[in-house]
Amino acid sequence: MNKHERFKQDKDPLDARDDVLRGAREGRDALDDADLFRLKWHGLYEHNAKDGHFMLRVKVVQGVLTAEQAETLAWVAEHHGRGMLDCTTRQCVQIHWITLDAMPEIMRRLEAAGLTTTGACGDVTRNVIGCTVAGIAHEEIVDGYATAVALHQCFLGNRAFSNLPRKYKISVTGCAEDCARGLINDVALSGAIADDGTRGFNLRVGGGLSAVPRFARWIDVFITPEEAPEVIEHVTAIFRDAEENRRARGRARLKFLLDRVGPEVFRRDLESRVGRPLRRGAPHAPDLHGHDHVGVTPQRDGVHSAVGLCVPLGRLRVEQFQGVIALARAYGSGEVRFTHQQNVLIPNVPNDRVASMLSEPLVRDELSADPMLFTRGVQTCTGKEFCGLAKVYTKDRAAEITAVLNEHVRANGHGEDLRVHFAGCSSSCAQQQIADIGIEGVLKRFDGEMIEAMDIRIGGRLGPDPRFGEVVVKKVPHWELNATLLEIFDLYDGAHRAGETFRAFAARTPADWWRQRLAAPEDAAASA
């Protein structure tokens, strides 16, 4: 048994709330490694400096916040987070620089606002994500938000599922395009209509990224919203009870169980646990493309619109977030939503007031609804600034990349949703494998020292023909990163067909084509 399994066996991590309070009274040094590990179940990750500061992650089901909840998060960031919030790819909020002595008051305020950190981290069901415009979208097959809330409530604080082999991620989308990247989740519910007209979800399982990426597998199951909590409990129980997954933490995700048993065996096990045959999957599924919801999206009532604002690098200053809340109160219903691409959205803006909102200084100058191409498409993880796993710094370097690409690359023909994702390591918090260009931090020996470097992938995408990007150049020294990215776009400009987007060009271009042209002179000579 590895140490993490022992930590979970010795004490249910849900009971670690007492350790949070003990740390608040006695200080961080009163907690041992097992205590600190179990704090993750309550949303706390210690900074890599191990100096008593923590990152606090707050769950926000499908990113939907009331104005009061948003103001509570702003208060935490202002008083305890040095005025900064990070938007995550799971529609959550992360606040850094938290100290344990502040946690009793923070927890009291969060709970009073109806927010929770329970299960935001750790080997447990994480925040349930979904379509950013759930409930108001034009082409909605079924209400994904209601099902997401039902699943959230089913697993929140549930001791039957507080010790899973590893983290466990659920996506629920009821919209026609399945915009919440379900294919890279452990469990993906995608809106679909059965042959008899019943509206519900197709179920896929076993997606995930990191060093061994997998797309969620089709197991030919259709469920109704009413069935979802029961069926997903049984899916989760199969994962929980898979002892093989607990033997090596690096192979503990649900995707590895699917690799071993296959979709058909998994389906049979699921039906056995549910105790009845499950309906076969609906033949007409969504296209699984995804959308960032930046810009103005008409709502289905015909009189309101949702306005998506681009948050550069996914990081908000507290005064910006307070400004977003003020705009939501002034122009919308007060509601604020986080997207799974690290942006924010204000729904329920009357159509005749949209233009006025777009002219507001915060929108016009800082959080644009019509950002430049690379500002819109960049996605980053926390990086070495705070994370102990990261090999490189990401946020500041991504800002530099964005500025260079916006200045030197013609935003013409590349496609409106070109994605450049920058991850600090192989853990894939920035989802680099599904980006058009994915950058992953690594280390490289140079002149006898280890320096920050990057592997670069090309060609990742979701959609009807999903694929993971392939590494086309390895260990690019950090000082050569900008030039290498510009070279990639020069290669595209010189070889693509008329009207062909970068994504389409990458889809038909072998990885070796890129490798041969991007190889360093010494690498090319070595392979000759």
Protein backbone atom coordinates (compact mmCIF):
# COMPACT_ATOMS: atom_id res chain seq x y z
CA MET A 1 0.00 0.00 0.00
CA ASN A 2 1.45 3.37 -0.99
CA LYS A 3 1.54 6.17 1.53
CA HIS A 4 -1.40 8.05 0.04
CA GLU A 5 -3.65 4.99 0.34
CA ARG A 6 -2.45 4.57 3.91
CA PHE A 7 -3.23 8.21 4.70
CA LYS A 8 -6.78 7.74 3.43
CA GLN A 9 -7.22 4.44 5.25
CA ASP A 10 -5.98 5.83 8.55
CA LYS A 11 -8.53 8.63 8.55
CA ASP A 12 -11.45 9.55 6.35
CA PRO A 13 -10.29 12.75 4.62
CA LEU A 14 -13.71 14.31 5.22
CA ASP A 15 -12.76 14.36 8.89
CA ALA A 16 -9.76 16.56 8.05
CA ARG A 17 -11.89 19.64 8.64
CA ASP A 18 -10.82 19.24 12.26
CA ASP A 19 -7.21 19.43 11.09
CA VAL A 20 -7.94 22.67 9.25
CA LEU A 21 -9.21 24.12 12.52
CA ARG A 22 -6.28 22.66 14.46
CA GLY A 23 -3.88 24.23 11.97
CA ALA A 24 -5.71 27.54 12.42
CA ARG A 25 -5.17 27.37 16.19
CA GLU A 26 -1.69 25.87 16.37
CA GLY A 27 -0.10 26.75 13.03
CA ARG A 28 0.93 24.84 9.95
CA ASP A 29 3.77 23.00 11.71
CA ALA A 30 1.25 21.24 13.94
CA LEU A 31 0.18 19.21 10.89
CA ASP A 32 2.15 16.26 9.55
CA ASP A 33 2.37 15.08 5.94
CA ALA A 34 -0.75 12.94 6.24
CA ASP A 35 -2.73 15.87 7.64
CA LEU A 36 -1.56 18.16 4.86
CA PHE A 37 -2.46 15.56 2.24
CA ARG A 38 -6.00 15.23 3.60
CA LEU A 39 -6.49 19.01 3.60
CA LYS A 40 -6.98 18.71 -0.16
CA TRP A 41 -10.45 17.26 0.47
CA HIS A 42 -11.28 20.67 1.92
CA GLY A 43 -9.86 22.64 -1.00
CA LEU A 44 -6.41 23.41 0.39
CA TYR A 45 -3.11 22.83 -1.43
CA GLU A 46 0.09 24.03 0.19
CA HIS A 47 2.25 26.36 -1.92
CA ASN A 48 5.50 24.90 -3.21
CA ALA A 49 7.49 27.15 -0.86
CA LYS A 50 5.93 25.32 2.13
CA ASP A 51 5.97 28.56 4.07
CA GLY A 52 2.47 28.33 5.54
CA HIS A 53 0.61 29.70 2.50
CA PHE A 54 -2.02 27.68 0.70
CA MET A 55 -4.13 27.77 -2.42
CA LEU A 56 -7.83 27.52 -1.63
CA ARG A 57 -10.13 26.13 -4.33
CA VAL A 58 -13.86 26.76 -4.08
CA LYS A 59 -16.38 24.63 -5.91
CA VAL A 60 -18.83 26.43 -8.21
CA VAL A 61 -21.18 23.92 -9.84
CA GLN A 62 -21.02 24.59 -13.60
CA GLY A 63 -19.59 28.00 -12.75
CA VAL A 64 -22.91 29.58 -11.70
CA LEU A 65 -22.71 32.22 -8.95
CA THR A 66 -25.21 34.61 -7.43
CA ALA A 67 -24.00 38.15 -6.93
CA GLU A 68 -23.78 37.52 -3.18
CA GLN A 69 -21.65 34.42 -3.69
CA ALA A 70 -19.37 36.28 -6.08
CA GLU A 71 -18.99 39.09 -3.56
CA THR A 72 -18.00 36.55 -0.90
CA LEU A 73 -15.24 35.20 -3.14
CA ALA A 74 -14.09 38.77 -3.81
CA TRP A 75 -13.97 39.40 -0.05
CA VAL A 76 -11.75 36.34 0.49
CA ALA A 77 -9.40 37.41 -2.29
CA GLU A 78 -9.24 41.00 -1.08
CA HIS A 79 -8.62 40.24 2.60
CA HIS A 80 -6.65 37.01 2.42
CA GLY A 81 -5.53 36.40 -1.18
CA ARG A 82 -3.46 39.50 -1.93
CA GLY A 83 -6.19 40.78 -4.24
CA MET A 84 -6.06 37.99 -6.85
CA LEU A 85 -8.34 35.18 -8.08
CA ASP A 86 -7.59 32.47 -10.64
CA CYS A 87 -10.33 31.04 -12.86
CA THR A 88 -9.92 27.31 -13.45
CA THR A 89 -10.71 24.92 -16.28
CA ARG A 90 -13.35 23.34 -14.03
CA GLN A 91 -15.32 26.55 -13.56
CA CYS A 92 -13.97 26.98 -10.03
CA VAL A 93 -12.07 29.74 -8.29
CA GLN A 94 -8.60 29.43 -6.78
CA ILE A 95 -7.31 31.97 -4.29
CA HIS A 96 -3.65 31.94 -3.29
CA TRP A 97 -1.77 33.18 -0.22
CA ILE A 98 -4.33 31.75 2.21
CA THR A 99 -3.09 31.04 5.74
CA LEU A 100 -4.70 28.48 8.01
CA ASP A 101 -5.49 31.00 10.73
CA ALA A 102 -7.84 32.73 8.28
CA MET A 103 -9.76 29.56 7.44
CA PRO A 104 -12.41 29.57 10.21
CA GLU A 105 -13.72 32.96 9.07
CA ILE A 106 -13.34 32.06 5.39
CA MET A 107 -15.28 28.81 5.88
CA ARG A 108 -17.99 30.61 7.82
CA ARG A 109 -18.48 33.18 5.07
CA LEU A 110 -18.40 30.61 2.27
CA GLU A 111 -20.93 28.38 3.99
CA ALA A 112 -23.22 31.33 4.73
CA ALA A 113 -23.15 32.13 1.00
CA GLY A 114 -23.95 28.53 0.02
CA LEU A 115 -20.44 27.79 -1.25
CA THR A 116 -18.18 24.87 -0.38
CA THR A 117 -14.58 23.75 -0.68
CA THR A 118 -15.40 20.13 0.21
CA GLY A 119 -14.18 17.88 -2.57
CA ALA A 120 -12.58 20.70 -4.52
CA CYS A 121 -9.31 18.73 -4.44
CA GLY A 122 -8.24 15.23 -3.46
CA ASP A 123 -9.19 11.70 -4.47
CA VAL A 124 -12.86 12.47 -4.67
CA THR A 125 -15.53 13.74 -7.06
CA ARG A 126 -14.39 17.20 -8.15
CA ASN A 127 -16.51 20.15 -9.27
CA VAL A 128 -19.15 19.10 -11.80
CA ILE A 129 -18.70 21.16 -14.95
CA GLY A 130 -20.98 21.90 -17.88
CA CYS A 131 -22.23 24.34 -20.48
CA THR A 132 -21.67 27.94 -19.44
CA VAL A 133 -25.07 28.96 -20.82
CA ALA A 134 -27.01 26.02 -19.36
CA GLY A 135 -30.67 26.87 -18.87
CA ILE A 136 -30.57 29.85 -21.21
CA ALA A 137 -28.98 28.45 -24.38
CA HIS A 138 -30.86 28.33 -27.66
CA GLU A 139 -30.14 24.73 -28.59
CA GLU A 140 -30.51 22.91 -25.30
CA ILE A 141 -31.60 19.28 -25.46
CA VAL A 142 -32.00 18.87 -21.71
CA ASP A 143 -31.28 20.93 -18.58
CA GLY A 144 -27.71 19.94 -17.83
CA TYR A 145 -27.43 22.31 -14.89
CA ALA A 146 -30.20 20.63 -12.92
CA THR A 147 -28.52 17.24 -13.39
CA ALA A 148 -25.12 18.68 -12.45
CA VAL A 149 -26.56 20.07 -9.22
CA ALA A 150 -28.18 16.70 -8.47
CA LEU A 151 -24.82 14.93 -8.97
CA HIS A 152 -23.01 17.53 -6.88
CA GLN A 153 -25.43 16.99 -4.02
CA CYS A 154 -25.24 13.22 -4.41
CA PHE A 155 -21.46 13.12 -3.88
CA LEU A 156 -20.86 16.14 -1.63
CA GLY A 157 -19.69 14.93 1.76
CA ASN A 158 -20.73 11.36 0.87
CA ARG A 159 -18.50 9.03 2.87
CA ALA A 160 -19.28 6.13 0.54
CA PHE A 161 -17.21 7.95 -2.07
CA SER A 162 -14.74 9.99 0.00
CA ASN A 163 -11.85 7.60 -0.74
CA LEU A 164 -11.55 7.02 -4.48
CA PRO A 165 -8.34 5.69 -6.07
CA ARG A 166 -7.67 9.12 -7.57
CA LYS A 167 -9.39 12.34 -8.58
CA TYR A 168 -12.67 11.92 -10.43
CA LYS A 169 -14.14 14.41 -12.85
CA ILE A 170 -17.67 14.72 -14.22
CA SER A 171 -18.97 16.81 -17.11
CA VAL A 172 -22.69 17.30 -17.80
CA THR A 173 -23.88 19.14 -20.88
CA GLY A 174 -27.38 19.39 -22.22
CA CYS A 175 -26.61 21.72 -25.12
CA ALA A 176 -26.46 20.60 -28.74
CA GLU A 177 -22.69 20.89 -29.08
CA ASP A 178 -21.59 19.46 -25.71
CA CYS A 179 -19.32 22.39 -25.07
CA ALA A 180 -17.79 21.36 -21.74
CA ARG A 181 -15.02 19.07 -22.98
CA GLY A 182 -16.72 15.92 -21.79
CA LEU A 183 -14.32 13.73 -23.75
CA ILE A 184 -11.50 14.42 -21.30
CA ASN A 185 -13.54 13.69 -18.17
CA ASP A 186 -13.87 10.46 -16.21
CA VAL A 187 -17.63 10.68 -16.71
CA ALA A 188 -19.27 12.61 -19.54
CA LEU A 189 -23.01 13.09 -19.84
CA SER A 190 -23.94 14.59 -23.21
CA GLY A 191 -27.43 15.75 -24.12
CA ALA A 192 -29.14 13.38 -26.56
CA ILE A 193 -32.61 12.32 -27.70
CA ALA A 194 -33.60 8.66 -27.75
CA ASP A 195 -35.51 7.10 -30.64
CA ASP A 196 -38.80 7.44 -28.76
CA GLY A 197 -38.22 11.15 -28.18
CA THR A 198 -37.03 10.84 -24.59
CA ARG A 199 -34.56 13.56 -23.70
CA GLY A 200 -31.55 12.66 -21.63
CA PHE A 201 -27.85 11.92 -21.88
CA ASN A 202 -25.43 9.60 -23.58
CA LEU A 203 -22.86 8.31 -21.11
CA ARG A 204 -19.14 8.05 -21.81
CA VAL A 205 -16.50 7.04 -19.26
CA GLY A 206 -12.76 6.93 -18.81
CA GLY A 207 -11.47 10.20 -20.23
CA GLY A 208 -8.47 12.07 -18.86
CA LEU A 209 -5.21 13.74 -19.82
CA SER A 210 -1.84 13.81 -18.00
CA ALA A 211 1.02 11.65 -19.27
CA VAL A 212 -1.29 8.96 -20.70
CA PRO A 213 -4.25 10.78 -22.27
CA ARG A 214 -7.49 9.05 -23.16
CA PHE A 215 -10.79 10.21 -24.59
CA ALA A 216 -13.88 9.05 -22.71
CA ARG A 217 -15.13 5.76 -24.15
CA TRP A 218 -18.56 5.11 -25.61
CA ILE A 219 -20.29 2.38 -23.55
CA ASP A 220 -23.60 2.57 -25.42
CA VAL A 221 -25.70 3.80 -22.50
CA PHE A 222 -28.47 6.41 -22.49
CA ILE A 223 -29.92 7.68 -19.22
CA THR A 224 -32.61 10.16 -18.28
CA PRO A 225 -31.96 13.04 -15.88
CA GLU A 226 -33.91 11.15 -13.22
CA GLU A 227 -31.64 8.12 -13.59
CA ALA A 228 -28.38 10.09 -13.57
CA PRO A 229 -27.58 10.18 -9.82
CA GLU A 230 -28.23 6.43 -9.38
CA VAL A 231 -26.33 5.34 -12.48
CA ILE A 232 -23.35 7.62 -11.87
CA GLU A 233 -23.16 6.39 -8.27
CA HIS A 234 -22.73 2.87 -9.63
CA VAL A 235 -20.15 4.01 -12.19
CA THR A 236 -18.25 5.63 -9.34
CA ALA A 237 -18.56 2.51 -7.20
CA ILE A 238 -16.95 0.43 -9.95
CA PHE A 239 -14.02 2.85 -9.88
CA ARG A 240 -13.90 2.95 -6.09
CA ASP A 241 -13.83 -0.84 -5.79
CA ALA A 242 -11.13 -1.41 -8.42
CA GLU A 243 -8.24 -2.44 -6.16
CA GLU A 244 -5.91 -2.67 -9.15
CA ASN A 245 -6.21 1.11 -9.49
CA ARG A 246 -4.85 1.62 -5.99
CA ARG A 247 -1.56 -0.21 -6.51
CA ALA A 248 0.21 2.55 -8.45
CA ARG A 249 -0.89 6.13 -8.03
CA GLY A 250 0.31 7.04 -11.51
CA ARG A 251 -2.18 4.57 -12.99
CA ALA A 252 -5.09 5.13 -10.64
CA ARG A 253 -7.55 6.97 -12.88
CA LEU A 254 -10.74 5.44 -14.29
CA LYS A 255 -9.23 5.51 -17.79
CA PHE A 256 -6.82 2.73 -16.83
CA LEU A 257 -9.67 0.54 -15.65
CA LEU A 258 -11.33 1.03 -19.05
CA ASP A 259 -8.04 0.11 -20.70
CA ARG A 260 -8.00 -3.17 -18.78
CA VAL A 261 -11.61 -4.33 -19.06
CA GLY A 262 -12.93 -2.52 -22.14
CA PRO A 263 -16.26 -0.74 -22.66
CA GLU A 264 -18.40 -3.89 -23.07
CA VAL A 265 -17.29 -5.48 -19.80
CA PHE A 266 -17.68 -2.13 -18.04
CA ARG A 267 -21.23 -1.82 -19.34
CA ARG A 268 -22.10 -5.34 -18.15
CA ASP A 269 -20.68 -4.60 -14.69
CA LEU A 270 -22.67 -1.36 -14.57
CA GLU A 271 -25.93 -3.09 -15.50
CA SER A 272 -25.26 -5.77 -12.90
CA ARG A 273 -24.82 -3.14 -10.20
CA VAL A 274 -27.82 -1.09 -11.30
CA GLY A 275 -29.90 -4.28 -11.36
CA ARG A 276 -31.64 -3.72 -14.68
CA PRO A 277 -30.82 -3.39 -18.38
CA LEU A 278 -29.80 0.09 -19.40
CA ARG A 279 -31.11 1.75 -22.51
CA ARG A 280 -28.74 1.79 -25.45
CA GLY A 281 -27.07 5.06 -26.39
CA ALA A 282 -28.96 7.50 -28.59
CA PRO A 283 -27.61 7.34 -32.16
CA HIS A 284 -27.57 11.10 -32.74
CA ALA A 285 -25.11 12.56 -30.28
CA PRO A 286 -23.76 16.13 -30.08
CA ASP A 287 -20.68 17.03 -32.07
CA LEU A 288 -18.45 17.48 -28.99
CA HIS A 289 -16.71 20.57 -30.36
CA GLY A 290 -16.73 22.94 -27.41
CA HIS A 291 -17.06 26.70 -27.27
CA ASP A 292 -15.53 29.43 -25.15
CA HIS A 293 -18.67 31.62 -24.99
CA VAL A 294 -16.61 34.79 -25.28
CA GLY A 295 -18.68 37.52 -26.92
CA VAL A 296 -22.43 38.01 -27.16
CA THR A 297 -24.61 34.88 -27.16
CA PRO A 298 -28.35 35.37 -27.75
CA GLN A 299 -30.48 33.61 -25.16
CA ARG A 300 -33.43 31.45 -26.11
CA ASP A 301 -36.02 33.89 -24.76
CA GLY A 302 -35.11 36.24 -27.61
CA VAL A 303 -34.90 39.32 -25.40
CA HIS A 304 -31.70 38.71 -23.44
CA SER A 305 -28.09 37.90 -24.24
CA ALA A 306 -25.17 36.41 -22.35
CA VAL A 307 -21.98 38.46 -22.57
CA GLY A 308 -18.76 36.49 -22.21
CA LEU A 309 -15.66 38.42 -21.15
CA CYS A 310 -12.12 37.21 -21.79
CA VAL A 311 -9.97 37.02 -18.67
CA PRO A 312 -6.35 37.21 -19.85
CA LEU A 313 -4.41 34.21 -18.51
CA GLY A 314 -7.42 33.27 -16.38
CA ARG A 315 -6.31 35.63 -13.60
CA LEU A 316 -8.50 38.38 -12.14
CA ARG A 317 -7.51 41.23 -9.88
CA VAL A 318 -10.11 41.58 -7.17
CA GLU A 319 -11.09 45.05 -8.39
CA GLN A 320 -11.76 43.55 -11.83
CA PHE A 321 -13.94 40.85 -10.32
CA GLN A 322 -15.78 43.43 -8.25
CA GLY A 323 -16.31 45.35 -11.48
CA VAL A 324 -17.76 42.24 -13.15
CA ILE A 325 -20.17 41.82 -10.24
CA ALA A 326 -21.20 45.47 -10.53
CA LEU A 327 -21.84 45.02 -14.25
CA ALA A 328 -23.88 41.90 -13.56
CA ARG A 329 -26.03 43.83 -11.10
CA ALA A 330 -26.38 46.86 -13.35
CA TYR A 331 -27.03 45.11 -16.66
CA GLY A 332 -28.06 41.54 -15.84
CA SER A 333 -29.76 39.67 -13.04
CA GLY A 334 -26.71 39.81 -10.78
CA GLU A 335 -25.61 36.32 -11.77
CA VAL A 336 -21.99 35.68 -12.79
CA ARG A 337 -20.75 32.51 -14.48
CA PHE A 338 -17.27 31.05 -14.88
CA THR A 339 -16.44 29.19 -18.07
CA HIS A 340 -14.30 26.07 -18.46
CA GLN A 341 -11.85 28.12 -20.52
CA GLN A 342 -10.98 30.44 -17.61
CA ASN A 343 -13.26 33.32 -18.55
CA VAL A 344 -16.36 34.96 -17.04
CA LEU A 345 -19.86 35.47 -18.42
CA ILE A 346 -22.72 37.75 -17.47
CA PRO A 347 -26.12 36.34 -18.47
CA ASN A 348 -29.55 37.92 -18.77
CA VAL A 349 -28.48 41.23 -20.27
CA PRO A 350 -31.42 42.84 -22.15
CA ASN A 351 -30.60 43.00 -25.83
CA ASP A 352 -31.14 46.75 -25.97
CA ARG A 353 -28.49 47.23 -23.23
CA VAL A 354 -25.76 45.02 -24.64
CA ALA A 355 -24.08 47.81 -26.60
CA SER A 356 -23.99 50.00 -23.52
CA MET A 357 -22.39 47.24 -21.47
CA LEU A 358 -19.77 46.59 -24.14
CA SER A 359 -18.76 50.25 -23.95
CA GLU A 360 -18.10 50.10 -20.20
CA PRO A 361 -14.40 50.82 -19.45
CA LEU A 362 -13.79 47.45 -17.78
CA VAL A 363 -15.07 45.63 -20.87
CA ARG A 364 -13.56 47.97 -23.40
CA ASP A 365 -10.10 48.17 -21.85
CA GLU A 366 -9.47 45.07 -19.71
CA LEU A 367 -11.90 42.16 -20.02
CA SER A 368 -12.86 42.33 -23.66
CA ALA A 369 -15.82 40.56 -25.24
CA ASP A 370 -13.94 40.75 -28.54
CA PRO A 371 -10.30 40.07 -27.64
CA MET A 372 -7.38 39.60 -29.97
CA LEU A 373 -6.92 36.07 -31.32
CA PHE A 374 -4.18 34.84 -28.99
CA THR A 375 -5.49 36.65 -25.94
CA ARG A 376 -8.72 34.77 -26.43
CA GLY A 377 -7.19 31.37 -26.99
CA VAL A 378 -4.45 31.14 -24.39
CA GLN A 379 -4.98 28.86 -21.38
CA THR A 380 -2.54 28.34 -18.51
CA CYS A 381 -2.10 26.48 -15.27
CA THR A 382 -0.73 27.97 -12.05
CA GLY A 383 2.83 27.03 -12.92
CA LYS A 384 5.95 27.11 -10.81
CA GLU A 385 4.87 30.31 -9.11
CA PHE A 386 2.86 28.23 -6.63
CA CYS A 387 2.73 24.59 -7.73
CA GLY A 388 5.27 22.02 -6.55
CA LEU A 389 4.78 19.83 -9.62
CA ALA A 390 5.41 22.53 -12.23
CA LYS A 391 8.79 22.64 -13.95
CA VAL A 392 8.43 26.17 -15.33
CA TYR A 393 6.73 29.48 -14.76
CA THR A 394 3.61 29.82 -16.90
CA LYS A 395 1.54 32.94 -16.22
CA ASP A 396 4.13 35.63 -16.93
CA ARG A 397 5.60 33.65 -19.80
CA ALA A 398 2.15 33.12 -21.32
CA ALA A 399 1.57 36.87 -21.14
CA GLU A 400 4.78 37.36 -23.10
CA ILE A 401 3.79 34.71 -25.65
CA THR A 402 0.38 36.30 -26.12
CA ALA A 403 1.88 39.73 -26.75
CA VAL A 404 4.43 38.40 -29.23
CA LEU A 405 1.91 36.34 -31.19
CA ASN A 406 -0.69 39.12 -31.26
CA GLU A 407 1.95 41.49 -32.64
CA HIS A 408 3.67 39.28 -35.20
CA VAL A 409 1.13 36.70 -36.40
CA ARG A 410 -1.50 37.80 -38.86
CA ALA A 411 -4.90 36.99 -37.37
CA ASN A 412 -6.15 35.90 -40.77
CA GLY A 413 -7.25 32.43 -41.71
CA HIS A 414 -6.14 30.77 -38.50
CA GLY A 415 -9.68 30.21 -37.26
CA GLU A 416 -11.57 32.14 -34.61
CA ASP A 417 -10.91 29.70 -31.77
CA LEU A 418 -7.21 28.93 -32.14
CA ARG A 419 -6.06 27.51 -28.84
CA VAL A 420 -2.57 27.83 -27.32
CA HIS A 421 -2.35 26.08 -23.94
CA PHE A 422 0.65 26.33 -21.62
CA ALA A 423 1.12 23.78 -18.83
CA GLY A 424 3.89 23.79 -16.28
CA CYS A 425 4.25 20.00 -16.30
CA SER A 426 2.73 16.79 -17.64
CA SER A 427 -0.18 16.82 -15.19
CA SER A 428 -2.15 18.70 -17.84
CA CYS A 429 -4.00 21.24 -15.72
CA ALA A 430 -3.84 23.51 -18.77
CA GLN A 431 -5.05 20.68 -21.03
CA GLN A 432 -2.18 21.06 -23.48
CA GLN A 433 -2.97 17.80 -25.31
CA ILE A 434 -6.24 19.16 -26.77
CA ALA A 435 -4.84 22.52 -27.88
CA ASP A 436 -3.95 23.50 -31.43
CA ILE A 437 -0.55 24.28 -29.93
CA GLY A 438 0.18 22.78 -26.54
CA ILE A 439 3.23 23.81 -24.52
CA GLU A 440 4.47 21.67 -21.64
CA GLY A 441 7.17 22.66 -19.19
CA VAL A 442 10.17 20.35 -18.84
CA LEU A 443 13.75 20.63 -17.64
CA LYS A 444 16.84 20.51 -19.83
CA ARG A 445 20.53 20.33 -19.01
CA PHE A 446 22.40 23.26 -20.54
CA ASP A 447 26.03 24.14 -19.81
CA GLY A 448 25.98 21.83 -16.82
CA GLU A 449 22.82 23.32 -15.28
CA MET A 450 19.13 22.45 -15.42
CA ILE A 451 17.13 25.14 -17.19
CA GLU A 452 13.46 25.67 -17.94
CA ALA A 453 12.47 24.31 -21.34
CA MET A 454 9.30 23.30 -23.17
CA ASP A 455 7.95 20.48 -25.30
CA ILE A 456 5.56 21.70 -27.99
CA ARG A 457 2.60 19.73 -29.31
CA ILE A 458 0.58 20.46 -32.44
CA GLY A 459 -2.80 19.26 -33.61
CA GLY A 460 -4.88 18.61 -30.51
CA ARG A 461 -8.63 19.06 -30.83
CA LEU A 462 -12.03 17.84 -29.72
CA GLY A 463 -14.98 17.46 -32.09
CA PRO A 464 -16.24 14.57 -34.21
CA ASP A 465 -12.68 13.40 -34.95
CA PRO A 466 -10.84 14.18 -31.72
CA ARG A 467 -7.13 13.71 -31.38
CA PHE A 468 -4.37 14.56 -28.96
CA GLY A 469 -1.61 16.85 -30.13
CA GLU A 470 1.71 15.20 -30.89
CA VAL A 471 5.04 16.51 -29.63
CA VAL A 472 6.86 18.01 -32.62
CA VAL A 473 9.79 19.66 -30.88
CA LYS A 474 11.29 18.83 -27.49
CA LYS A 475 13.08 20.76 -24.78
CA VAL A 476 13.02 24.18 -26.38
CA PRO A 477 15.04 26.48 -24.07
CA HIS A 478 12.79 29.15 -22.62
CA TRP A 479 14.65 31.91 -24.42
CA GLU A 480 13.85 30.26 -27.76
CA LEU A 481 10.15 29.67 -27.12
CA ASN A 482 8.80 32.82 -28.77
CA ALA A 483 10.91 32.35 -31.89
CA THR A 484 9.86 28.70 -32.16
CA LEU A 485 6.18 29.60 -31.96
CA LEU A 486 6.62 32.23 -34.64
CA GLU A 487 8.39 29.66 -36.79
CA ILE A 488 5.40 27.32 -36.42
CA PHE A 489 3.05 29.99 -37.73
CA ASP A 490 5.47 30.85 -40.53
CA LEU A 491 5.42 27.19 -41.59
CA TYR A 492 1.63 27.21 -41.57
CA ASP A 493 1.49 30.47 -43.55
CA GLY A 494 3.78 29.06 -46.19
CA ALA A 495 2.06 25.72 -46.68
CA HIS A 496 -1.69 25.91 -45.98
CA ARG A 497 -4.35 25.90 -48.62
CA ALA A 498 -6.51 28.91 -49.34
CA GLY A 499 -9.01 29.34 -46.53
CA GLU A 500 -7.56 26.47 -44.50
CA THR A 501 -7.46 27.11 -40.77
CA PHE A 502 -4.50 26.19 -38.61
CA ARG A 503 -6.55 23.39 -37.06
CA ALA A 504 -7.50 21.92 -40.43
CA PHE A 505 -3.91 22.19 -41.68
CA ALA A 506 -2.58 20.47 -38.55
CA ALA A 507 -5.16 17.70 -38.92
CA ARG A 508 -3.81 16.68 -42.33
CA THR A 509 -0.12 17.37 -41.69
CA PRO A 510 1.96 14.53 -40.20
CA ALA A 511 3.84 15.28 -37.02
CA ASP A 512 7.10 14.32 -38.77
CA TRP A 513 6.58 17.20 -41.22
CA TRP A 514 6.75 19.60 -38.32
CA ARG A 515 9.57 17.74 -36.59
CA GLN A 516 11.84 17.87 -39.62
CA ARG A 517 11.37 21.61 -40.04
CA LEU A 518 11.55 22.53 -36.35
CA ALA A 519 14.52 20.37 -35.39
CA ALA A 520 17.54 22.20 -34.02
CA PRO A 521 20.60 21.92 -36.30
CA GLU A 522 22.35 19.52 -33.93
CA ASP A 523 19.22 17.36 -33.66
CA ALA A 524 18.81 17.27 -37.43
CA ALA A 525 22.45 16.24 -37.83
CA ALA A 526 22.07 13.50 -35.22
CA SER A 527 19.08 12.01 -37.03
CA ALA A 528 20.66 12.22 -40.50
